[in-house]
């Protein structure tokens, strides 16, 4: 398997967001970024909120917002299972700014409210990072 690319799938409960070949994939785990090249050791991990980058074997890359979930890497296949995913071209700066303002306005009445606010801020920041006009 000299030139076997990585097979990458991004799946939400509603749809398959991505099914493609890749030369490299970088995704946010719950504790930092994970980069995957072909022939990587198997891995299962909890995802964080952030940006998934999929590099094409022919050059170029695509970015996606992902909202937690789980990733499995096995035999040059990566499966990303997430409650929500969106390609960069599906996101807008205006929507990301509205989400950031809504997150900042959330009241901090308890530890749970603080955690909810932090997650909302992380979602807005990740979306803003890759959103198009």
Foldseek 3Di string as FASTA:
>chain_A
DVPQFAWEWEDAPVGTPDTDTAQKKWFAFPVGIDIDGAPDDWDKGKGDWAKIWGAHPVGDIWIKTFHIAMWIDDRSYIYHYGNDMDTQAVAALVVLVVLCVVLVPQDDPDPVSVVVSVSSNSNSVRSNVRHDD
